Amino acid sequence: MALDFVAGCLGGAAGVLVGHPFDTVKVRLQTQSASHRLYRGTFHCFAEIIRKESTFGLYKGMTSPLIGLTFINAIVFGVQGNVMRVIGEGSVLNSFLAGSAAGAVQTLVCAPMELAKTRMQLMGMGQKVKTRKQKDVKNSLDCLLKIYRKEGLRGCCRGMYLTLWRETPAFGVYFATYDIICQVLSPKDPNEHIGMLPLMFAGGMSGIASWMSTYPIDVIKSRIQADGAGGKNMYKGTLDCFVRSYQAEGWTVYTRGLNSTLIRAFPVNAATFTVVTLFLREMRPSQPVDATLSKPHLYEK
């Protein structure tokens, strides 16, 4: 259990480092106003952030997921492992149910963490580094503290229900997809490990399937969590955000930022599973490692 936890933390950290720039682009595209668009698409957004805010602009808000990673992995590993032991391993349906349970429980940590990340990623949006005023928020923890002082505990839980609706089925899809792909690509000899390339492919495709299953919910979640960052709330609630977003931009609003998300999903999960595999194979040379990899999904899908 301890080795699984450490491996998950290392793999998750690798995933955050690889994927955070893409996440910043995704959030910028999801939350920009339809009447005042700063970015024409994924690659234009990348270029504009680097040009105006330097490369470090792509890593805004990364402290929050890195700090929250340990807690999220502890919850996911514990819940998913215990549920699998109770309902039984070897079934794709059980993998889906265990993953869904893990996704639901870790929402308690994930939602406020993503709130701080989103607010930090939107800071200085469209402003050049030289002309930007001094930052009012020092880091992600300071961001959450300021939200708490201004909006109370309810403000820190903004987007909690949407995160729950996103994470519960998404984690289930992730685990089920990963198990299916690993079963198809497993070598015939039960004593052989699954190769690195098949593992990377399984992790990457699982991340893509997971995001596609609940992406419209993520768009609304980002807008709700970004709402009020400038001091004024645009939406009365989740339903109002859903309706007004559709009225202003049509159904394509629910795919805003999807390209950067899918581009990010594959390398993030490929990096995550590669690190987890290498660590566990080193620490458990006499045990089959690949079977343990059906347990973890880390923060970065």
C-alpha atoms as a PDB file:
ATOM      1  CA  MET A   1       0.000   0.000   0.000  1.00  0.00           C
ATOM      2  CA  ALA A   2       2.833   2.397   0.932  1.00  0.00           C
ATOM      3  CA  LEU A   3       4.748   1.622  -2.262  1.00  0.00           C
ATOM      4  CA  ASP A   4       1.608   2.137  -4.330  1.00  0.00           C
ATOM      5  CA  PHE A   5       1.129   5.501  -2.665  1.00  0.00           C
ATOM      6  CA  VAL A   6       4.725   6.638  -3.291  1.00  0.00           C
ATOM      7  CA  ALA A   7       4.603   5.408  -6.882  1.00  0.00           C
ATOM      8  CA  GLY A   8       1.354   7.274  -7.415  1.00  0.00           C
ATOM      9  CA  CYS A   9       2.796  10.485  -6.040  1.00  0.00           C
ATOM     10  CA  LEU A  10       5.855  10.261  -8.297  1.00  0.00           C
ATOM     11  CA  GLY A  11       3.788   9.389 -11.341  1.00  0.00           C
ATOM     12  CA  GLY A  12       1.260  12.100 -10.606  1.00  0.00           C
ATOM     13  CA  ALA A  13       3.975  14.717 -10.168  1.00  0.00           C
ATOM     14  CA  ALA A  14       5.429  13.740 -13.541  1.00  0.00           C
ATOM     15  CA  GLY A  15       1.974  14.076 -15.060  1.00  0.00           C
ATOM     16  CA  VAL A  16       1.467  17.558 -13.594  1.00  0.00           C
ATOM     17  CA  LEU A  17       4.835  18.780 -14.899  1.00  0.00           C
ATOM     18  CA  VAL A  18       4.094  17.471 -18.391  1.00  0.00           C
ATOM     19  CA  GLY A  19       0.461  18.516 -18.581  1.00  0.00           C
ATOM     20  CA  HIS A  20       0.041  21.785 -16.692  1.00  0.00           C
ATOM     21  CA  PRO A  21       0.835  24.102 -19.640  1.00  0.00           C
ATOM     22  CA  PHE A  22      -1.940  22.424 -21.638  1.00  0.00           C
ATOM     23  CA  ASP A  23      -4.287  22.811 -18.681  1.00  0.00           C
ATOM     24  CA  THR A  24      -3.566  26.543 -18.529  1.00  0.00           C
ATOM     25  CA  VAL A  25      -4.447  26.860 -22.215  1.00  0.00           C
ATOM     26  CA  LYS A  26      -7.622  24.827 -21.671  1.00  0.00           C
ATOM     27  CA  VAL A  27      -8.813  27.076 -18.840  1.00  0.00           C
ATOM     28  CA  ARG A  28      -8.034  30.266 -20.785  1.00  0.00           C
ATOM     29  CA  LEU A  29     -10.029  29.022 -23.786  1.00  0.00           C
ATOM     30  CA  GLN A  30     -12.930  27.795 -21.655  1.00  0.00           C
ATOM     31  CA  THR A  31     -13.371  31.041 -19.732  1.00  0.00           C
ATOM     32  CA  GLN A  32     -12.697  33.773 -22.290  1.00  0.00           C
ATOM     33  CA  SER A  33     -15.643  35.970 -23.216  1.00  0.00           C
ATOM     34  CA  ALA A  34     -17.415  35.326 -26.506  1.00  0.00           C
ATOM     35  CA  SER A  35     -17.648  39.081 -27.139  1.00  0.00           C
ATOM     36  CA  HIS A  36     -13.979  39.756 -26.380  1.00  0.00           C
ATOM     37  CA  ARG A  37     -11.886  36.795 -27.460  1.00  0.00           C
ATOM     38  CA  LEU A  38      -8.162  37.017 -26.818  1.00  0.00           C
ATOM     39  CA  TYR A  39      -7.297  33.666 -28.374  1.00  0.00           C
ATOM     40  CA  ARG A  40      -8.293  32.147 -31.711  1.00  0.00           C
ATOM     41  CA  GLY A  41      -7.456  28.577 -30.752  1.00  0.00           C
ATOM     42  CA  THR A  42      -5.103  26.230 -28.905  1.00  0.00           C
ATOM     43  CA  PHE A  43      -1.837  27.077 -30.628  1.00  0.00           C
ATOM     44  CA  HIS A  44      -2.589  30.798 -30.764  1.00  0.00           C
ATOM     45  CA  CYS A  45      -3.262  30.719 -27.033  1.00  0.00           C
ATOM     46  CA  PHE A  46       0.065  28.969 -26.405  1.00  0.00           C
ATOM     47  CA  ALA A  47       1.932  31.541 -28.472  1.00  0.00           C
ATOM     48  CA  GLU A  48       0.207  34.539 -26.876  1.00  0.00           C
ATOM     49  CA  ILE A  49       0.845  33.349 -23.318  1.00  0.00           C
ATOM     50  CA  ILE A  50       4.541  32.807 -24.037  1.00  0.00           C
ATOM     51  CA  ARG A  51       4.829  36.135 -25.886  1.00  0.00           C
ATOM     52  CA  LYS A  52       3.123  38.240 -23.234  1.00  0.00           C
ATOM     53  CA  GLU A  53       3.706  36.301 -20.017  1.00  0.00           C
ATOM     54  CA  SER A  54       6.834  34.237 -20.793  1.00  0.00           C
ATOM     55  CA  THR A  55       7.048  30.461 -20.518  1.00  0.00           C
ATOM     56  CA  PHE A  56       6.335  30.712 -16.789  1.00  0.00           C
ATOM     57  CA  GLY A  57       2.851  31.935 -17.672  1.00  0.00           C
ATOM     58  CA  LEU A  58       2.020  28.399 -18.777  1.00  0.00           C
ATOM     59  CA  TYR A  59       2.796  27.115 -15.267  1.00  0.00           C
ATOM     60  CA  LYS A  60       0.585  29.488 -13.308  1.00  0.00           C
ATOM     61  CA  GLY A  61      -1.338  27.768 -10.541  1.00  0.00           C
ATOM     62  CA  MET A  62       0.805  24.625 -10.640  1.00  0.00           C
ATOM     63  CA  THR A  63       1.492  24.802  -6.892  1.00  0.00           C
ATOM     64  CA  SER A  64      -2.087  23.864  -6.112  1.00  0.00           C
ATOM     65  CA  PRO A  65      -2.200  20.520  -7.970  1.00  0.00           C
ATOM     66  CA  LEU A  66       1.304  19.600  -6.796  1.00  0.00           C
ATOM     67  CA  ILE A  67       0.373  20.191  -3.157  1.00  0.00           C
ATOM     68  CA  GLY A  68      -3.022  18.540  -3.461  1.00  0.00           C
ATOM     69  CA  LEU A  69      -1.579  15.570  -5.339  1.00  0.00           C
ATOM     70  CA  THR A  70      -0.492  13.749  -2.177  1.00  0.00           C
ATOM     71  CA  PHE A  71      -3.913  13.976  -0.555  1.00  0.00           C
ATOM     72  CA  ILE A  72      -5.766  13.065  -3.751  1.00  0.00           C
ATOM     73  CA  ASN A  73      -3.578  10.033  -4.404  1.00  0.00           C
ATOM     74  CA  ALA A  74      -3.985   8.834  -0.824  1.00  0.00           C
ATOM     75  CA  ILE A  75      -7.773   9.023  -1.173  1.00  0.00           C
ATOM     76  CA  VAL A  76      -7.883   7.442  -4.639  1.00  0.00           C
ATOM     77  CA  PHE A  77      -5.511   4.588  -3.771  1.00  0.00           C
ATOM     78  CA  GLY A  78      -7.266   3.806  -0.514  1.00  0.00           C
ATOM     79  CA  VAL A  79     -10.837   3.976  -1.802  1.00  0.00           C
ATOM     80  CA  GLN A  80     -10.218   2.224  -5.115  1.00  0.00           C
ATOM     81  CA  GLY A  81      -8.119  -0.542  -3.552  1.00  0.00           C
ATOM     82  CA  ASN A  82     -10.601  -1.216  -0.757  1.00  0.00           C
ATOM     83  CA  VAL A  83     -13.603  -1.197  -3.092  1.00  0.00           C
ATOM     84  CA  MET A  84     -11.874  -3.636  -5.452  1.00  0.00           C
ATOM     85  CA  ARG A  85     -11.112  -5.979  -2.557  1.00  0.00           C
ATOM     86  CA  VAL A  86     -14.754  -5.870  -1.490  1.00  0.00           C
ATOM     87  CA  ILE A  87     -16.457  -6.317  -4.871  1.00  0.00           C
ATOM     88  CA  GLY A  88     -13.718  -8.410  -6.505  1.00  0.00           C
ATOM     89  CA  GLU A  89     -11.065  -7.902  -9.191  1.00  0.00           C
ATOM     90  CA  GLY A  90     -10.968  -9.054 -12.798  1.00  0.00           C
ATOM     91  CA  SER A  91     -14.190  -7.427 -13.971  1.00  0.00           C
ATOM     92  CA  VAL A  92     -14.369  -4.297 -16.121  1.00  0.00           C
ATOM     93  CA  LEU A  93     -17.631  -3.345 -14.423  1.00  0.00           C
ATOM     94  CA  ASN A  94     -15.990  -3.622 -11.008  1.00  0.00           C
ATOM     95  CA  SER A  95     -13.116  -1.460 -12.244  1.00  0.00           C
ATOM     96  CA  PHE A  96     -15.655   1.159 -13.326  1.00  0.00           C
ATOM     97  CA  LEU A  97     -17.493   1.053  -9.994  1.00  0.00           C
ATOM     98  CA  ALA A  98     -14.301   1.217  -7.914  1.00  0.00           C
ATOM     99  CA  GLY A  99     -12.956   4.072 -10.017  1.00  0.00           C
ATOM    100  CA  SER A 100     -16.231   5.964  -9.728  1.00  0.00           C
ATOM    101  CA  ALA A 101     -16.169   5.588  -5.948  1.00  0.00           C
ATOM    102  CA  ALA A 102     -12.612   6.879  -5.788  1.00  0.00           C
ATOM    103  CA  GLY A 103     -13.463   9.816  -8.044  1.00  0.00           C
ATOM    104  CA  ALA A 104     -16.435  10.781  -5.911  1.00  0.00           C
ATOM    105  CA  VAL A 105     -14.540  10.753  -2.611  1.00  0.00           C
ATOM    106  CA  GLN A 106     -11.478  12.666  -3.824  1.00  0.00           C
ATOM    107  CA  THR A 107     -13.737  15.510  -5.012  1.00  0.00           C
ATOM    108  CA  LEU A 108     -13.532  16.977  -1.502  1.00  0.00           C
ATOM    109  CA  VAL A 109      -9.866  17.819  -2.113  1.00  0.00           C
ATOM    110  CA  CYS A 110      -9.964  18.222  -5.891  1.00  0.00           C
ATOM    111  CA  ALA A 111     -12.641  20.940  -6.074  1.00  0.00           C
ATOM    112  CA  PRO A 112     -10.966  23.631  -3.921  1.00  0.00           C
ATOM    113  CA  MET A 113      -7.592  22.762  -5.424  1.00  0.00           C
ATOM    114  CA  GLU A 114      -8.918  23.320  -8.961  1.00  0.00           C
ATOM    115  CA  LEU A 115     -10.632  26.518  -7.845  1.00  0.00           C
ATOM    116  CA  ALA A 116      -7.299  27.995  -6.768  1.00  0.00           C
ATOM    117  CA  LYS A 117      -5.592  26.666  -9.905  1.00  0.00           C
ATOM    118  CA  THR A 118      -8.218  28.221 -12.173  1.00  0.00           C
ATOM    119  CA  ARG A 119      -8.061  31.612 -10.472  1.00  0.00           C
ATOM    120  CA  MET A 120      -4.254  31.618 -10.648  1.00  0.00           C
ATOM    121  CA  GLN A 121      -4.241  30.599 -14.319  1.00  0.00           C
ATOM    122  CA  LEU A 122      -6.469  33.560 -15.209  1.00  0.00           C
ATOM    123  CA  MET A 123      -4.281  36.137 -13.481  1.00  0.00           C
ATOM    124  CA  GLY A 124      -2.733  38.636 -15.891  1.00  0.00           C
ATOM    125  CA  MET A 125      -4.682  37.184 -18.798  1.00  0.00           C
ATOM    126  CA  GLY A 126      -3.763  39.075 -21.974  1.00  0.00           C
ATOM    127  CA  GLN A 127      -1.322  41.405 -20.199  1.00  0.00           C
ATOM    128  CA  LYS A 128       2.356  41.700 -20.924  1.00  0.00           C
ATOM    129  CA  VAL A 129       4.754  40.956 -18.090  1.00  0.00           C
ATOM    130  CA  LYS A 130       6.360  44.412 -18.173  1.00  0.00           C
ATOM    131  CA  THR A 131       3.046  46.299 -18.040  1.00  0.00           C
ATOM    132  CA  ARG A 132       1.315  44.072 -15.498  1.00  0.00           C
ATOM    133  CA  LYS A 133       0.680  45.360 -12.020  1.00  0.00           C
ATOM    134  CA  GLN A 134       2.117  43.586  -8.992  1.00  0.00           C
ATOM    135  CA  LYS A 135       0.331  40.341  -8.214  1.00  0.00           C
ATOM    136  CA  ASP A 136      -2.321  40.476  -5.514  1.00  0.00           C
ATOM    137  CA  VAL A 137      -2.100  36.714  -4.973  1.00  0.00           C
ATOM    138  CA  LYS A 138       1.234  35.135  -4.044  1.00  0.00           C
ATOM    139  CA  ASN A 139       0.409  31.471  -4.597  1.00  0.00           C
ATOM    140  CA  SER A 140      -2.425  28.958  -4.672  1.00  0.00           C
ATOM    141  CA  LEU A 141      -2.749  28.705  -0.894  1.00  0.00           C
ATOM    142  CA  ASP A 142      -2.853  32.480  -0.607  1.00  0.00           C
ATOM    143  CA  CYS A 143      -5.506  32.476  -3.332  1.00  0.00           C
ATOM    144  CA  LEU A 144      -7.721  30.077  -1.360  1.00  0.00           C
ATOM    145  CA  LEU A 145      -7.217  32.132   1.797  1.00  0.00           C
ATOM    146  CA  LYS A 146      -8.317  35.314   0.027  1.00  0.00           C
ATOM    147  CA  ILE A 147     -11.374  33.530  -1.407  1.00  0.00           C
ATOM    148  CA  TYR A 148     -12.250  32.335   2.100  1.00  0.00           C
ATOM    149  CA  ARG A 149     -11.942  35.833   3.563  1.00  0.00           C
ATOM    150  CA  LYS A 150     -14.117  37.311   0.830  1.00  0.00           C
ATOM    151  CA  GLU A 151     -16.696  34.556   0.209  1.00  0.00           C
ATOM    152  CA  GLY A 152     -16.378  32.250   3.206  1.00  0.00           C
ATOM    153  CA  LEU A 153     -16.296  28.445   3.152  1.00  0.00           C
ATOM    154  CA  ARG A 154     -18.998  28.368   0.483  1.00  0.00           C
ATOM    155  CA  GLY A 155     -16.724  30.332  -1.855  1.00  0.00           C
ATOM    156  CA  CYS A 156     -13.908  27.793  -1.379  1.00  0.00           C
ATOM    157  CA  CYS A 157     -16.344  25.028  -2.357  1.00  0.00           C
ATOM    158  CA  ARG A 158     -17.418  26.762  -5.566  1.00  0.00           C
ATOM    159  CA  GLY A 159     -17.873  24.145  -8.299  1.00  0.00           C
ATOM    160  CA  MET A 160     -17.897  21.227  -5.826  1.00  0.00           C
ATOM    161  CA  TYR A 161     -21.060  19.600  -7.217  1.00  0.00           C
ATOM    162  CA  LEU A 162     -19.871  20.004 -10.801  1.00  0.00           C
ATOM    163  CA  THR A 163     -16.521  18.460  -9.891  1.00  0.00           C
ATOM    164  CA  LEU A 164     -18.390  15.526  -8.339  1.00  0.00           C
ATOM    165  CA  TRP A 165     -20.511  15.081 -11.484  1.00  0.00           C
ATOM    166  CA  ARG A 166     -17.374  15.192 -13.612  1.00  0.00           C
ATOM    167  CA  GLU A 167     -15.046  13.014 -11.554  1.00  0.00           C
ATOM    168  CA  THR A 168     -17.398  10.183 -10.602  1.00  0.00           C
ATOM    169  CA  PRO A 169     -18.092   8.834 -14.128  1.00  0.00           C
ATOM    170  CA  ALA A 170     -14.742  10.037 -15.491  1.00  0.00           C
ATOM    171  CA  PHE A 171     -12.718   7.947 -13.046  1.00  0.00           C
ATOM    172  CA  GLY A 172     -14.922   4.962 -13.783  1.00  0.00           C
ATOM    173  CA  VAL A 173     -14.353   5.339 -17.526  1.00  0.00           C
ATOM    174  CA  TYR A 174     -10.642   5.771 -16.924  1.00  0.00           C
ATOM    175  CA  PHE A 175     -10.173   2.556 -14.955  1.00  0.00           C
ATOM    176  CA  ALA A 176     -12.459   0.518 -17.201  1.00  0.00           C
ATOM    177  CA  THR A 177     -10.726   1.715 -20.383  1.00  0.00           C
ATOM    178  CA  TYR A 178      -7.289   1.059 -18.940  1.00  0.00           C
ATOM    179  CA  ASP A 179      -8.221  -2.479 -17.905  1.00  0.00           C
ATOM    180  CA  ILE A 180      -9.715  -3.282 -21.308  1.00  0.00           C
ATOM    181  CA  ILE A 181      -6.658  -2.026 -23.216  1.00  0.00           C
ATOM    182  CA  CYS A 182      -4.237  -3.812 -20.884  1.00  0.00           C
ATOM    183  CA  GLN A 183      -6.154  -7.070 -21.263  1.00  0.00           C
ATOM    184  CA  VAL A 184      -5.985  -6.775 -25.049  1.00  0.00           C
ATOM    185  CA  LEU A 185      -2.275  -5.872 -25.106  1.00  0.00           C
ATOM    186  CA  SER A 186      -1.075  -8.234 -22.350  1.00  0.00           C
ATOM    187  CA  PRO A 187       1.529 -10.807 -23.443  1.00  0.00           C
ATOM    188  CA  LYS A 188       0.403 -14.424 -23.654  1.00  0.00           C
ATOM    189  CA  ASP A 189       3.033 -15.491 -21.127  1.00  0.00           C
ATOM    190  CA  PRO A 190       1.594 -14.581 -17.679  1.00  0.00           C
ATOM    191  CA  ASN A 191       5.114 -14.197 -16.279  1.00  0.00           C
ATOM    192  CA  GLU A 192       6.004 -11.424 -18.718  1.00  0.00           C
ATOM    193  CA  HIS A 193       5.496  -7.732 -18.003  1.00  0.00           C
ATOM    194  CA  ILE A 194       3.469  -5.542 -20.307  1.00  0.00           C
ATOM    195  CA  GLY A 195       5.938  -3.534 -22.366  1.00  0.00           C
ATOM    196  CA  MET A 196       6.531   0.178 -21.878  1.00  0.00           C
ATOM    197  CA  LEU A 197       4.945   1.232 -25.153  1.00  0.00           C
ATOM    198  CA  PRO A 198       1.688  -0.696 -24.552  1.00  0.00           C
ATOM    199  CA  LEU A 199       1.501   0.715 -21.021  1.00  0.00           C
ATOM    200  CA  MET A 200       2.009   4.260 -22.287  1.00  0.00           C
ATOM    201  CA  PHE A 201      -0.618   3.698 -24.959  1.00  0.00           C
ATOM    202  CA  ALA A 202      -3.097   2.267 -22.430  1.00  0.00           C
ATOM    203  CA  GLY A 203      -2.601   5.155 -20.020  1.00  0.00           C
ATOM    204  CA  GLY A 204      -2.789   7.801 -22.730  1.00  0.00           C
ATOM    205  CA  MET A 205      -5.938   6.431 -24.341  1.00  0.00           C
ATOM    206  CA  SER A 206      -7.590   5.979 -20.950  1.00  0.00           C
ATOM    207  CA  GLY A 207      -6.989   9.628 -20.173  1.00  0.00           C
ATOM    208  CA  ILE A 208      -8.492  10.675 -23.506  1.00  0.00           C
ATOM    209  CA  ALA A 209     -11.572   8.487 -22.988  1.00  0.00           C
ATOM    210  CA  SER A 210     -12.006   9.814 -19.472  1.00  0.00           C
ATOM    211  CA  TRP A 211     -11.942  13.467 -20.539  1.00  0.00           C
ATOM    212  CA  MET A 212     -14.259  12.969 -23.496  1.00  0.00           C
ATOM    213  CA  SER A 213     -16.867  11.280 -21.304  1.00  0.00           C
ATOM    214  CA  THR A 214     -17.499  14.358 -19.137  1.00  0.00           C
ATOM    215  CA  TYR A 215     -15.878  17.318 -20.899  1.00  0.00           C
ATOM    216  CA  PRO A 216     -18.999  19.546 -21.197  1.00  0.00           C
ATOM    217  CA  ILE A 217     -19.344  19.408 -17.410  1.00  0.00           C
ATOM    218  CA  ASP A 218     -15.728  20.565 -17.085  1.00  0.00           C
ATOM    219  CA  VAL A 219     -16.430  23.617 -19.248  1.00  0.00           C
ATOM    220  CA  ILE A 220     -19.288  24.712 -16.981  1.00  0.00           C
ATOM    221  CA  LYS A 221     -17.193  23.954 -13.883  1.00  0.00           C
ATOM    222  CA  SER A 222     -14.363  26.172 -15.129  1.00  0.00           C
ATOM    223  CA  ARG A 223     -16.780  29.018 -15.834  1.00  0.00           C
ATOM    224  CA  ILE A 224     -18.426  28.728 -12.423  1.00  0.00           C
ATOM    225  CA  GLN A 225     -15.068  28.662 -10.638  1.00  0.00           C
ATOM    226  CA  ALA A 226     -13.762  31.601 -12.676  1.00  0.00           C
ATOM    227  CA  ASP A 227     -16.961  33.596 -12.109  1.00  0.00           C
ATOM    228  CA  GLY A 228     -16.468  36.444  -9.671  1.00  0.00           C
ATOM    229  CA  ALA A 229     -12.674  36.510 -10.066  1.00  0.00           C
ATOM    230  CA  GLY A 230     -12.935  40.080 -11.346  1.00  0.00           C
ATOM    231  CA  GLY A 231     -15.264  41.122  -8.542  1.00  0.00           C
ATOM    232  CA  LYS A 232     -18.559  40.645 -10.399  1.00  0.00           C
ATOM    233  CA  ASN A 233     -20.581  37.453 -10.800  1.00  0.00           C
ATOM    234  CA  MET A 234     -22.034  36.737 -14.245  1.00  0.00           C
ATOM    235  CA  TYR A 235     -24.031  33.627 -13.391  1.00  0.00           C
ATOM    236  CA  LYS A 236     -26.707  32.943 -10.801  1.00  0.00           C
ATOM    237  CA  GLY A 237     -25.810  29.271 -10.658  1.00  0.00           C
ATOM    238  CA  THR A 238     -24.980  26.125 -12.638  1.00  0.00           C
ATOM    239  CA  LEU A 239     -28.181  26.011 -14.682  1.00  0.00           C
ATOM    240  CA  ASP A 240     -27.945  29.723 -15.499  1.00  0.00           C
ATOM    241  CA  CYS A 241     -24.345  29.254 -16.644  1.00  0.00           C
ATOM    242  CA  PHE A 242     -25.347  26.292 -18.821  1.00  0.00           C
ATOM    243  CA  VAL A 243     -28.240  28.144 -20.473  1.00  0.00           C
ATOM    244  CA  ARG A 244     -26.491  31.495 -20.958  1.00  0.00           C
ATOM    245  CA  SER A 245     -23.352  29.869 -22.347  1.00  0.00           C
ATOM    246  CA  TYR A 246     -25.443  27.991 -24.902  1.00  0.00           C
ATOM    247  CA  GLN A 247     -27.472  31.091 -25.821  1.00  0.00           C
ATOM    248  CA  ALA A 248     -24.325  33.153 -26.377  1.00  0.00           C
ATOM    249  CA  GLU A 249     -22.132  30.646 -28.197  1.00  0.00           C
ATOM    250  CA  GLY A 250     -24.181  27.597 -29.189  1.00  0.00           C
ATOM    251  CA  TRP A 251     -23.403  23.957 -28.463  1.00  0.00           C
ATOM    252  CA  THR A 252     -19.735  24.393 -29.487  1.00  0.00           C
ATOM    253  CA  VAL A 253     -19.141  26.187 -26.195  1.00  0.00           C
ATOM    254  CA  TYR A 254     -19.140  22.768 -24.499  1.00  0.00           C
ATOM    255  CA  THR A 255     -16.121  21.710 -26.551  1.00  0.00           C
ATOM    256  CA  ARG A 256     -14.136  24.889 -25.850  1.00  0.00           C
ATOM    257  CA  GLY A 257     -10.523  23.919 -25.082  1.00  0.00           C
ATOM    258  CA  LEU A 258     -11.084  20.254 -25.959  1.00  0.00           C
ATOM    259  CA  ASN A 259      -8.158  20.148 -28.402  1.00  0.00           C
ATOM    260  CA  SER A 260      -5.618  21.245 -25.797  1.00  0.00           C
ATOM    261  CA  THR A 261      -7.175  18.869 -23.266  1.00  0.00           C
ATOM    262  CA  LEU A 262      -6.888  15.814 -25.496  1.00  0.00           C
ATOM    263  CA  ILE A 263      -3.386  16.794 -26.611  1.00  0.00           C
ATOM    264  CA  ARG A 264      -2.492  17.043 -22.930  1.00  0.00           C
ATOM    265  CA  ALA A 265      -4.281  13.867 -21.812  1.00  0.00           C
ATOM    266  CA  PHE A 266      -2.127  11.405 -23.728  1.00  0.00           C
ATOM    267  CA  PRO A 267       1.387  12.480 -22.665  1.00  0.00           C
ATOM    268  CA  VAL A 268       0.253  13.177 -19.083  1.00  0.00           C
ATOM    269  CA  ASN A 269      -1.063   9.661 -18.571  1.00  0.00           C
ATOM    270  CA  ALA A 270       1.733   8.092 -20.576  1.00  0.00           C
ATOM    271  CA  ALA A 271       4.264   9.844 -18.314  1.00  0.00           C
ATOM    272  CA  THR A 272       2.297   8.913 -15.200  1.00  0.00           C
ATOM    273  CA  PHE A 273       2.138   5.203 -15.946  1.00  0.00           C
ATOM    274  CA  THR A 274       5.752   5.036 -17.122  1.00  0.00           C
ATOM    275  CA  VAL A 275       6.996   6.514 -13.838  1.00  0.00           C
ATOM    276  CA  VAL A 276       4.677   4.312 -11.747  1.00  0.00           C
ATOM    277  CA  THR A 277       5.760   1.191 -13.639  1.00  0.00           C
ATOM    278  CA  LEU A 278       9.495   1.869 -13.392  1.00  0.00           C
ATOM    279  CA  PHE A 279       9.247   2.613  -9.676  1.00  0.00           C
ATOM    280  CA  LEU A 280       7.215  -0.484  -8.793  1.00  0.00           C
ATOM    281  CA  ARG A 281       9.330  -2.783 -10.953  1.00  0.00           C
ATOM    282  CA  GLU A 282      12.441  -1.557  -9.121  1.00  0.00           C
ATOM    283  CA  MET A 283      10.860  -1.857  -5.685  1.00  0.00           C
ATOM    284  CA  ARG A 284       9.083  -5.173  -6.349  1.00  0.00           C
ATOM    285  CA  PRO A 285      11.401  -7.146  -8.633  1.00  0.00           C
ATOM    286  CA  SER A 286       9.949 -10.502  -7.541  1.00  0.00           C
ATOM    287  CA  GLN A 287       6.277  -9.532  -7.891  1.00  0.00           C
ATOM    288  CA  PRO A 288       4.130  -8.943 -11.007  1.00  0.00           C
ATOM    289  CA  VAL A 289       3.860  -5.182 -11.239  1.00  0.00           C
ATOM    290  CA  ASP A 290       1.477  -4.705 -14.116  1.00  0.00           C
ATOM    291  CA  ALA A 291      -1.497  -5.997 -12.141  1.00  0.00           C
ATOM    292  CA  THR A 292      -1.027  -3.239  -9.569  1.00  0.00           C
ATOM    293  CA  LEU A 293      -1.281  -0.556 -12.231  1.00  0.00           C
ATOM    294  CA  SER A 294      -5.005  -1.099 -12.582  1.00  0.00           C
ATOM    295  CA  LYS A 295      -5.327   0.554  -9.181  1.00  0.00           C
ATOM    296  CA  PRO A 296      -4.121   4.113  -9.549  1.00  0.00           C
ATOM    297  CA  HIS A 297      -5.504   7.045 -11.320  1.00  0.00           C
ATOM    298  CA  LEU A 298      -3.815  10.164 -10.190  1.00  0.00           C
ATOM    299  CA  TYR A 299      -4.922  13.828 -10.198  1.00  0.00           C
ATOM    300  CA  GLU A 300      -3.921  14.528 -13.803  1.00  0.00           C
ATOM    301  CA  LYS A 301      -6.125  12.603 -16.209  1.00  0.00           C
END
